[in-house]
Amino acid sequence: MANHKSALKRARQNEIRRIRNKSVKTRVKNIIKDLKLAIDGESKEAVPEKLNAAKSAVDKAAKKGVIHRRTAARKISRLSRLANPDSA
């Protein structure tokens, strides 16, 4: 464990950020899972709105620095191809 005052503060900040990042990542994963279930299931009319929600969640995660911007672009591209197989 850290001994210096600045190192103790850094450890506290890292823990707060870790929890916040975990929350954002979990949210993104759940929204993506929801989209994939909609694609596989019978609710094809719900796919476009779920795709937009997934894109938004991934972009927000990238904006916050939780995931890298290129990772976000790759995820969005793959989800779009999955949701629109005829346009790929």
PDB file of N, CA and C in Angstrom:
ATOM      1  N   MET A   1       0.846  -1.196   0.000  1.00  0.00           N
ATOM      2  CA  MET A   1       0.000   0.000   0.000  1.00  0.00           C
ATOM      3  C   MET A   1       0.878   1.241   0.000  1.00  0.00           C
ATOM      4  N   ALA A   2       0.371   2.298  -0.591  1.00  0.00           N
ATOM      5  CA  ALA A   2       1.109   3.552  -0.713  1.00  0.00           C
ATOM      6  C   ALA A   2       1.282   4.223   0.650  1.00  0.00           C
ATOM      7  N   ASN A   3       2.385   4.948   0.793  1.00  0.00           N
ATOM      8  CA  ASN A   3       2.662   5.640   2.050  1.00  0.00           C
ATOM      9  C   ASN A   3       2.599   7.157   1.926  1.00  0.00           C
ATOM     10  N   HIS A   4       2.984   7.672   0.782  1.00  0.00           N
ATOM     11  CA  HIS A   4       2.989   9.124   0.606  1.00  0.00           C
ATOM     12  C   HIS A   4       1.566   9.643   0.418  1.00  0.00           C
ATOM     13  N   LYS A   5       1.383  10.890   0.821  1.00  0.00           N
ATOM     14  CA  LYS A   5       0.054  11.497   0.735  1.00  0.00           C
ATOM     15  C   LYS A   5      -0.457  11.515  -0.710  1.00  0.00           C
ATOM     16  N   SER A   6       0.418  11.880  -1.632  1.00  0.00           N
ATOM     17  CA  SER A   6       0.013  11.953  -3.037  1.00  0.00           C
ATOM     18  C   SER A   6      -0.298  10.560  -3.596  1.00  0.00           C
ATOM     19  N   ALA A   7       0.448   9.562  -3.160  1.00  0.00           N
ATOM     20  CA  ALA A   7       0.218   8.192  -3.634  1.00  0.00           C
ATOM     21  C   ALA A   7      -1.085   7.633  -3.069  1.00  0.00           C
ATOM     22  N   LEU A   8      -1.411   8.000  -1.846  1.00  0.00           N
ATOM     23  CA  LEU A   8      -2.682   7.574  -1.253  1.00  0.00           C
ATOM     24  C   LEU A   8      -3.857   8.187  -2.023  1.00  0.00           C
ATOM     25  N   LYS A   9      -3.720   9.481  -2.374  1.00  0.00           N
ATOM     26  CA  LYS A   9      -4.765  10.147  -3.143  1.00  0.00           C
ATOM     27  C   LYS A   9      -4.902   9.490  -4.517  1.00  0.00           C
ATOM     28  N   ARG A  10      -3.779   9.186  -5.156  1.00  0.00           N
ATOM     29  CA  ARG A  10      -3.796   8.547  -6.470  1.00  0.00           C
ATOM     30  C   ARG A  10      -4.500   7.184  -6.390  1.00  0.00           C
ATOM     31  N   ALA A  11      -4.255   6.440  -5.314  1.00  0.00           N
ATOM     32  CA  ALA A  11      -4.894   5.132  -5.135  1.00  0.00           C
ATOM     33  C   ALA A  11      -6.404   5.291  -4.987  1.00  0.00           C
ATOM     34  N   ARG A  12      -6.848   6.310  -4.249  1.00  0.00           N
ATOM     35  CA  ARG A  12      -8.283   6.571  -4.107  1.00  0.00           C
ATOM     36  C   ARG A  12      -8.906   6.939  -5.449  1.00  0.00           C
ATOM     37  N   GLN A  13      -8.239   7.813  -6.195  1.00  0.00           N
ATOM     38  CA  GLN A  13      -8.754   8.228  -7.502  1.00  0.00           C
ATOM     39  C   GLN A  13      -8.837   7.044  -8.462  1.00  0.00           C
ATOM     40  N   ASN A  14      -7.820   6.192  -8.448  1.00  0.00           N
ATOM     41  CA  ASN A  14      -7.811   5.032  -9.336  1.00  0.00           C
ATOM     42  C   ASN A  14      -8.972   4.101  -9.029  1.00  0.00           C
ATOM     43  N   GLU A  15      -9.277   3.909  -7.764  1.00  0.00           N
ATOM     44  CA  GLU A  15     -10.381   3.027  -7.377  1.00  0.00           C
ATOM     45  C   GLU A  15     -11.723   3.591  -7.847  1.00  0.00           C
ATOM     46  N   ILE A  16     -11.913   4.902  -7.683  1.00  0.00           N
ATOM     47  CA  ILE A  16     -13.155   5.547  -8.124  1.00  0.00           C
ATOM     48  C   ILE A  16     -13.305   5.414  -9.635  1.00  0.00           C
ATOM     49  N   ARG A  17     -12.210   5.649 -10.366  1.00  0.00           N
ATOM     50  CA  ARG A  17     -12.244   5.542 -11.833  1.00  0.00           C
ATOM     51  C   ARG A  17     -12.488   4.112 -12.280  1.00  0.00           C
ATOM     52  N   ARG A  18     -11.879   3.140 -11.576  1.00  0.00           N
ATOM     53  CA  ARG A  18     -12.056   1.732 -11.919  1.00  0.00           C
ATOM     54  C   ARG A  18     -13.525   1.338 -11.825  1.00  0.00           C
ATOM     55  N   ILE A  19     -14.182   1.778 -10.759  1.00  0.00           N
ATOM     56  CA  ILE A  19     -15.601   1.457 -10.566  1.00  0.00           C
ATOM     57  C   ILE A  19     -16.455   2.124 -11.643  1.00  0.00           C
ATOM     58  N   ARG A  20     -16.154   3.384 -11.964  1.00  0.00           N
ATOM     59  CA  ARG A  20     -16.909   4.101 -12.993  1.00  0.00           C
ATOM     60  C   ARG A  20     -16.723   3.441 -14.363  1.00  0.00           C
ATOM     61  N   ASN A  21     -15.480   3.076 -14.693  1.00  0.00           N
ATOM     62  CA  ASN A  21     -15.201   2.426 -15.981  1.00  0.00           C
ATOM     63  C   ASN A  21     -15.900   1.080 -16.075  1.00  0.00           C
ATOM     64  N   LYS A  22     -15.905   0.341 -14.976  1.00  0.00           N
ATOM     65  CA  LYS A  22     -16.560  -0.971 -14.950  1.00  0.00           C
ATOM     66  C   LYS A  22     -18.050  -0.821 -15.231  1.00  0.00           C
ATOM     67  N   SER A  23     -18.654   0.201 -14.657  1.00  0.00           N
ATOM     68  CA  SER A  23     -20.078   0.461 -14.853  1.00  0.00           C
ATOM     69  C   SER A  23     -20.380   0.756 -16.317  1.00  0.00           C
ATOM     70  N   VAL A  24     -19.553   1.591 -16.944  1.00  0.00           N
ATOM     71  CA  VAL A  24     -19.764   1.957 -18.349  1.00  0.00           C
ATOM     72  C   VAL A  24     -19.583   0.738 -19.248  1.00  0.00           C
ATOM     73  N   LYS A  25     -18.525  -0.061 -18.997  1.00  0.00           N
ATOM     74  CA  LYS A  25     -18.266  -1.247 -19.809  1.00  0.00           C
ATOM     75  C   LYS A  25     -19.396  -2.260 -19.695  1.00  0.00           C
ATOM     76  N   THR A  26     -19.907  -2.443 -18.486  1.00  0.00           N
ATOM     77  CA  THR A  26     -21.008  -3.379 -18.274  1.00  0.00           C
ATOM     78  C   THR A  26     -22.248  -2.920 -19.022  1.00  0.00           C
ATOM     79  N   ARG A  27     -22.518  -1.623 -18.990  1.00  0.00           N
ATOM     80  CA  ARG A  27     -23.678  -1.066 -19.697  1.00  0.00           C
ATOM     81  C   ARG A  27     -23.561  -1.324 -21.196  1.00  0.00           C
ATOM     82  N   VAL A  28     -22.374  -1.092 -21.752  1.00  0.00           N
ATOM     83  CA  VAL A  28     -22.143  -1.318 -23.178  1.00  0.00           C
ATOM     84  C   VAL A  28     -22.370  -2.793 -23.518  1.00  0.00           C
ATOM     85  N   LYS A  29     -21.814  -3.683 -22.700  1.00  0.00           N
ATOM     86  CA  LYS A  29     -21.965  -5.123 -22.954  1.00  0.00           C
ATOM     87  C   LYS A  29     -23.427  -5.546 -22.929  1.00  0.00           C
ATOM     88  N   ASN A  30     -24.184  -5.037 -21.972  1.00  0.00           N
ATOM     89  CA  ASN A  30     -25.599  -5.404 -21.863  1.00  0.00           C
ATOM     90  C   ASN A  30     -26.412  -4.902 -23.048  1.00  0.00           C
ATOM     91  N   ILE A  31     -26.126  -3.688 -23.513  1.00  0.00           N
ATOM     92  CA  ILE A  31     -26.844  -3.135 -24.657  1.00  0.00           C
ATOM     93  C   ILE A  31     -26.505  -3.925 -25.920  1.00  0.00           C
ATOM     94  N   ILE A  32     -25.244  -4.309 -26.084  1.00  0.00           N
ATOM     95  CA  ILE A  32     -24.835  -5.105 -27.243  1.00  0.00           C
ATOM     96  C   ILE A  32     -25.493  -6.479 -27.197  1.00  0.00           C
ATOM     97  N   LYS A  33     -25.543  -7.069 -26.005  1.00  0.00           N
ATOM     98  CA  LYS A  33     -26.184  -8.380 -25.859  1.00  0.00           C
ATOM     99  C   LYS A  33     -27.666  -8.286 -26.211  1.00  0.00           C
ATOM    100  N   ASP A  34     -28.308  -7.204 -25.788  1.00  0.00           N
ATOM    101  CA  ASP A  34     -29.724  -6.979 -26.097  1.00  0.00           C
ATOM    102  C   ASP A  34     -29.936  -6.874 -27.615  1.00  0.00           C
ATOM    103  N   LEU A  35     -29.032  -6.170 -28.305  1.00  0.00           N
ATOM    104  CA  LEU A  35     -29.108  -6.047 -29.761  1.00  0.00           C
ATOM    105  C   LEU A  35     -28.951  -7.404 -30.433  1.00  0.00           C
ATOM    106  N   LYS A  36     -27.971  -8.183 -29.998  1.00  0.00           N
ATOM    107  CA  LYS A  36     -27.737  -9.500 -30.604  1.00  0.00           C
ATOM    108  C   LYS A  36     -28.925 -10.430 -30.394  1.00  0.00           C
ATOM    109  N   LEU A  37     -29.553 -10.334 -29.229  1.00  0.00           N
ATOM    110  CA  LEU A  37     -30.751 -11.136 -28.980  1.00  0.00           C
ATOM    111  C   LEU A  37     -31.893 -10.714 -29.903  1.00  0.00           C
ATOM    112  N   ALA A  38     -32.020  -9.408 -30.149  1.00  0.00           N
ATOM    113  CA  ALA A  38     -33.063  -8.907 -31.045  1.00  0.00           C
ATOM    114  C   ALA A  38     -32.803  -9.371 -32.480  1.00  0.00           C
ATOM    115  N   ILE A  39     -31.535  -9.407 -32.887  1.00  0.00           N
ATOM    116  CA  ILE A  39     -31.192  -9.848 -34.240  1.00  0.00           C
ATOM    117  C   ILE A  39     -31.517 -11.332 -34.406  1.00  0.00           C
ATOM    118  N   ASP A  40     -31.178 -12.138 -33.406  1.00  0.00           N
ATOM    119  CA  ASP A  40     -31.437 -13.578 -33.468  1.00  0.00           C
ATOM    120  C   ASP A  40     -32.911 -13.920 -33.301  1.00  0.00           C
ATOM    121  N   GLY A  41     -33.622 -13.096 -32.532  1.00  0.00           N
ATOM    122  CA  GLY A  41     -35.027 -13.378 -32.237  1.00  0.00           C
ATOM    123  C   GLY A  41     -35.957 -12.959 -33.340  1.00  0.00           C
ATOM    124  N   GLU A  42     -37.221 -12.878 -33.001  1.00  0.00           N
ATOM    125  CA  GLU A  42     -38.244 -12.548 -33.988  1.00  0.00           C
ATOM    126  C   GLU A  42     -38.566 -11.054 -34.053  1.00  0.00           C
ATOM    127  N   SER A  43     -38.006 -10.265 -33.143  1.00  0.00           N
ATOM    128  CA  SER A  43     -38.336  -8.838 -33.104  1.00  0.00           C
ATOM    129  C   SER A  43     -37.422  -8.050 -34.046  1.00  0.00           C
ATOM    130  N   LYS A  44     -37.580  -8.277 -35.344  1.00  0.00           N
ATOM    131  CA  LYS A  44     -36.733  -7.612 -36.344  1.00  0.00           C
ATOM    132  C   LYS A  44     -37.030  -6.116 -36.450  1.00  0.00           C
ATOM    133  N   GLU A  45     -38.240  -5.707 -36.088  1.00  0.00           N
ATOM    134  CA  GLU A  45     -38.572  -4.277 -36.182  1.00  0.00           C
ATOM    135  C   GLU A  45     -37.889  -3.463 -35.087  1.00  0.00           C
ATOM    136  N   ALA A  46     -37.441  -4.123 -34.008  1.00  0.00           N
ATOM    137  CA  ALA A  46     -36.773  -3.417 -32.917  1.00  0.00           C
ATOM    138  C   ALA A  46     -35.275  -3.271 -33.157  1.00  0.00           C
ATOM    139  N   VAL A  47     -34.741  -3.938 -34.170  1.00  0.00           N
ATOM    140  CA  VAL A  47     -33.292  -3.943 -34.405  1.00  0.00           C
ATOM    141  C   VAL A  47     -32.725  -2.547 -34.693  1.00  0.00           C
ATOM    142  N   PRO A  48     -33.335  -1.727 -35.566  1.00  0.00           N
ATOM    143  CA  PRO A  48     -32.729  -0.414 -35.851  1.00  0.00           C
ATOM    144  C   PRO A  48     -32.603   0.485 -34.617  1.00  0.00           C
ATOM    145  N   GLU A  49     -33.631   0.507 -33.771  1.00  0.00           N
ATOM    146  CA  GLU A  49     -33.537   1.372 -32.585  1.00  0.00           C
ATOM    147  C   GLU A  49     -32.529   0.819 -31.578  1.00  0.00           C
ATOM    148  N   LYS A  50     -32.432  -0.506 -31.481  1.00  0.00           N
ATOM    149  CA  LYS A  50     -31.437  -1.100 -30.581  1.00  0.00           C
ATOM    150  C   LYS A  50     -30.019  -0.885 -31.118  1.00  0.00           C
ATOM    151  N   LEU A  51     -29.880  -0.891 -32.445  1.00  0.00           N
ATOM    152  CA  LEU A  51     -28.576  -0.613 -33.054  1.00  0.00           C
ATOM    153  C   LEU A  51     -28.151   0.816 -32.743  1.00  0.00           C
ATOM    154  N   ASN A  52     -29.081   1.761 -32.845  1.00  0.00           N
ATOM    155  CA  ASN A  52     -28.754   3.157 -32.519  1.00  0.00           C
ATOM    156  C   ASN A  52     -28.370   3.313 -31.055  1.00  0.00           C
ATOM    157  N   ALA A  53     -29.063   2.607 -30.169  1.00  0.00           N
ATOM    158  CA  ALA A  53     -28.736   2.666 -28.741  1.00  0.00           C
ATOM    159  C   ALA A  53     -27.349   2.089 -28.496  1.00  0.00           C
ATOM    160  N   ALA A  54     -27.022   1.006 -29.181  1.00  0.00           N
ATOM    161  CA  ALA A  54     -25.708   0.377 -29.023  1.00  0.00           C
ATOM    162  C   ALA A  54     -24.603   1.310 -29.537  1.00  0.00           C
ATOM    163  N   LYS A  55     -24.830   1.916 -30.700  1.00  0.00           N
ATOM    164  CA  LYS A  55     -23.850   2.849 -31.259  1.00  0.00           C
ATOM    165  C   LYS A  55     -23.602   4.000 -30.293  1.00  0.00           C
ATOM    166  N   SER A  56     -24.692   4.518 -29.744  1.00  0.00           N
ATOM    167  CA  SER A  56     -24.595   5.642 -28.812  1.00  0.00           C
ATOM    168  C   SER A  56     -23.807   5.260 -27.562  1.00  0.00           C
ATOM    169  N   ALA A  57     -24.099   4.081 -27.013  1.00  0.00           N
ATOM    170  CA  ALA A  57     -23.424   3.638 -25.791  1.00  0.00           C
ATOM    171  C   ALA A  57     -21.933   3.431 -26.041  1.00  0.00           C
ATOM    172  N   VAL A  58     -21.589   2.844 -27.179  1.00  0.00           N
ATOM    173  CA  VAL A  58     -20.182   2.605 -27.510  1.00  0.00           C
ATOM    174  C   VAL A  58     -19.464   3.936 -27.727  1.00  0.00           C
ATOM    175  N   ASP A  59     -20.104   4.868 -28.429  1.00  0.00           N
ATOM    176  CA  ASP A  59     -19.488   6.184 -28.650  1.00  0.00           C
ATOM    177  C   ASP A  59     -19.270   6.929 -27.339  1.00  0.00           C
ATOM    178  N   LYS A  60     -20.236   6.845 -26.440  1.00  0.00           N
ATOM    179  CA  LYS A  60     -20.090   7.520 -25.144  1.00  0.00           C
ATOM    180  C   LYS A  60     -18.946   6.918 -24.340  1.00  0.00           C
ATOM    181  N   ALA A  61     -18.813   5.598 -24.395  1.00  0.00           N
ATOM    182  CA  ALA A  61     -17.720   4.929 -23.683  1.00  0.00           C
ATOM    183  C   ALA A  61     -16.371   5.380 -24.242  1.00  0.00           C
ATOM    184  N   ALA A  62     -16.294   5.531 -25.555  1.00  0.00           N
ATOM    185  CA  ALA A  62     -15.053   5.994 -26.179  1.00  0.00           C
ATOM    186  C   ALA A  62     -14.768   7.445 -25.809  1.00  0.00           C
ATOM    187  N   LYS A  63     -15.819   8.249 -25.776  1.00  0.00           N
ATOM    188  CA  LYS A  63     -15.659   9.660 -25.436  1.00  0.00           C
ATOM    189  C   LYS A  63     -15.140   9.830 -24.004  1.00  0.00           C
ATOM    190  N   LYS A  64     -15.597   8.954 -23.115  1.00  0.00           N
ATOM    191  CA  LYS A  64     -15.159   9.009 -21.723  1.00  0.00           C
ATOM    192  C   LYS A  64     -13.775   8.383 -21.519  1.00  0.00           C
ATOM    193  N   GLY A  65     -13.266   7.715 -22.558  1.00  0.00           N
ATOM    194  CA  GLY A  65     -11.945   7.111 -22.450  1.00  0.00           C
ATOM    195  C   GLY A  65     -11.957   5.720 -21.852  1.00  0.00           C
ATOM    196  N   VAL A  66     -13.138   5.142 -21.714  1.00  0.00           N
ATOM    197  CA  VAL A  66     -13.247   3.802 -21.140  1.00  0.00           C
ATOM    198  C   VAL A  66     -12.741   2.767 -22.140  1.00  0.00           C
ATOM    199  N   ILE A  67     -13.086   2.952 -23.414  1.00  0.00           N
ATOM    200  CA  ILE A  67     -12.535   2.119 -24.473  1.00  0.00           C
ATOM    201  C   ILE A  67     -11.883   3.031 -25.500  1.00  0.00           C
ATOM    202  N   HIS A  68     -10.945   2.485 -26.252  1.00  0.00           N
ATOM    203  CA  HIS A  68     -10.225   3.268 -27.245  1.00  0.00           C
ATOM    204  C   HIS A  68     -11.160   3.616 -28.409  1.00  0.00           C
ATOM    205  N   ARG A  69     -10.912   4.731 -29.059  1.00  0.00           N
ATOM    206  CA  ARG A  69     -11.808   5.184 -30.132  1.00  0.00           C
ATOM    207  C   ARG A  69     -11.811   4.230 -31.316  1.00  0.00           C
ATOM    208  N   ARG A  70     -10.695   3.592 -31.589  1.00  0.00           N
ATOM    209  CA  ARG A  70     -10.660   2.635 -32.703  1.00  0.00           C
ATOM    210  C   ARG A  70     -11.370   1.346 -32.340  1.00  0.00           C
ATOM    211  N   THR A  71     -11.295   0.971 -31.078  1.00  0.00           N
ATOM    212  CA  THR A  71     -12.054  -0.191 -30.607  1.00  0.00           C
ATOM    213  C   THR A  71     -13.541   0.087 -30.752  1.00  0.00           C
ATOM    214  N   ALA A  72     -13.936   1.303 -30.409  1.00  0.00           N
ATOM    215  CA  ALA A  72     -15.342   1.697 -30.537  1.00  0.00           C
ATOM    216  C   ALA A  72     -15.777   1.653 -32.002  1.00  0.00           C
ATOM    217  N   ALA A  73     -14.951   2.165 -32.892  1.00  0.00           N
ATOM    218  CA  ALA A  73     -15.278   2.163 -34.319  1.00  0.00           C
ATOM    219  C   ALA A  73     -15.416   0.730 -34.832  1.00  0.00           C
ATOM    220  N   ARG A  74     -14.527  -0.158 -34.388  1.00  0.00           N
ATOM    221  CA  ARG A  74     -14.578  -1.560 -34.810  1.00  0.00           C
ATOM    222  C   ARG A  74     -15.848  -2.234 -34.313  1.00  0.00           C
ATOM    223  N   LYS A  75     -16.202  -1.979 -33.055  1.00  0.00           N
ATOM    224  CA  LYS A  75     -17.423  -2.568 -32.489  1.00  0.00           C
ATOM    225  C   LYS A  75     -18.664  -2.092 -33.245  1.00  0.00           C
ATOM    226  N   ILE A  76     -18.736  -0.793 -33.523  1.00  0.00           N
ATOM    227  CA  ILE A  76     -19.888  -0.226 -34.228  1.00  0.00           C
ATOM    228  C   ILE A  76     -19.979  -0.817 -35.640  1.00  0.00           C
ATOM    229  N   SER A  77     -18.834  -0.934 -36.312  1.00  0.00           N
ATOM    230  CA  SER A  77     -18.818  -1.484 -37.658  1.00  0.00           C
ATOM    231  C   SER A  77     -19.326  -2.926 -37.667  1.00  0.00           C
ATOM    232  N   ARG A  78     -18.859  -3.720 -36.733  1.00  0.00           N
ATOM    233  CA  ARG A  78     -19.269  -5.127 -36.679  1.00  0.00           C
ATOM    234  C   ARG A  78     -20.744  -5.272 -36.312  1.00  0.00           C
ATOM    235  N   LEU A  79     -21.213  -4.427 -35.414  1.00  0.00           N
ATOM    236  CA  LEU A  79     -22.631  -4.488 -35.050  1.00  0.00           C
ATOM    237  C   LEU A  79     -23.509  -4.071 -36.232  1.00  0.00           C
ATOM    238  N   SER A  80     -23.070  -3.068 -36.980  1.00  0.00           N
ATOM    239  CA  SER A  80     -23.839  -2.618 -38.138  1.00  0.00           C
ATOM    240  C   SER A  80     -23.925  -3.704 -39.198  1.00  0.00           C
ATOM    241  N   ARG A  81     -22.800  -4.390 -39.436  1.00  0.00           N
ATOM    242  CA  ARG A  81     -22.795  -5.493 -40.401  1.00  0.00           C
ATOM    243  C   ARG A  81     -23.696  -6.632 -39.936  1.00  0.00           C
ATOM    244  N   LEU A  82     -23.697  -6.885 -38.627  1.00  0.00           N
ATOM    245  CA  LEU A  82     -24.524  -7.953 -38.077  1.00  0.00           C
ATOM    246  C   LEU A  82     -26.005  -7.608 -38.199  1.00  0.00           C
ATOM    247  N   ALA A  83     -26.347  -6.343 -37.964  1.00  0.00           N
ATOM    248  CA  ALA A  83     -27.744  -5.918 -38.003  1.00  0.00           C
ATOM    249  C   ALA A  83     -28.263  -5.759 -39.428  1.00  0.00           C
ATOM    250  N   ASN A  84     -27.373  -5.425 -40.373  1.00  0.00           N
ATOM    251  CA  ASN A  84     -27.770  -5.227 -41.769  1.00  0.00           C
ATOM    252  C   ASN A  84     -26.951  -6.145 -42.677  1.00  0.00           C
ATOM    253  N   PRO A  85     -27.223  -7.432 -42.676  1.00  0.00           N
ATOM    254  CA  PRO A  85     -26.383  -8.345 -43.470  1.00  0.00           C
ATOM    255  C   PRO A  85     -26.515  -8.130 -44.974  1.00  0.00           C
ATOM    256  N   ASP A  86     -27.653  -7.587 -45.427  1.00  0.00           N
ATOM    257  CA  ASP A  86     -27.863  -7.372 -46.859  1.00  0.00           C
ATOM    258  C   ASP A  86     -27.044  -6.209 -47.410  1.00  0.00           C
ATOM    259  N   SER A  87     -26.697  -5.232 -46.553  1.00  0.00           N
ATOM    260  CA  SER A  87     -25.958  -4.065 -47.033  1.00  0.00           C
ATOM    261  C   SER A  87     -24.447  -4.255 -46.928  1.00  0.00           C
ATOM    262  N   ALA A  88     -24.014  -5.364 -46.354  1.00  0.00           N
ATOM    263  CA  ALA A  88     -22.572  -5.588 -46.185  1.00  0.00           C
ATOM    264  C   ALA A  88     -21.936  -6.194 -47.412  1.00  0.00           C
TER     265      ALA A  88
END
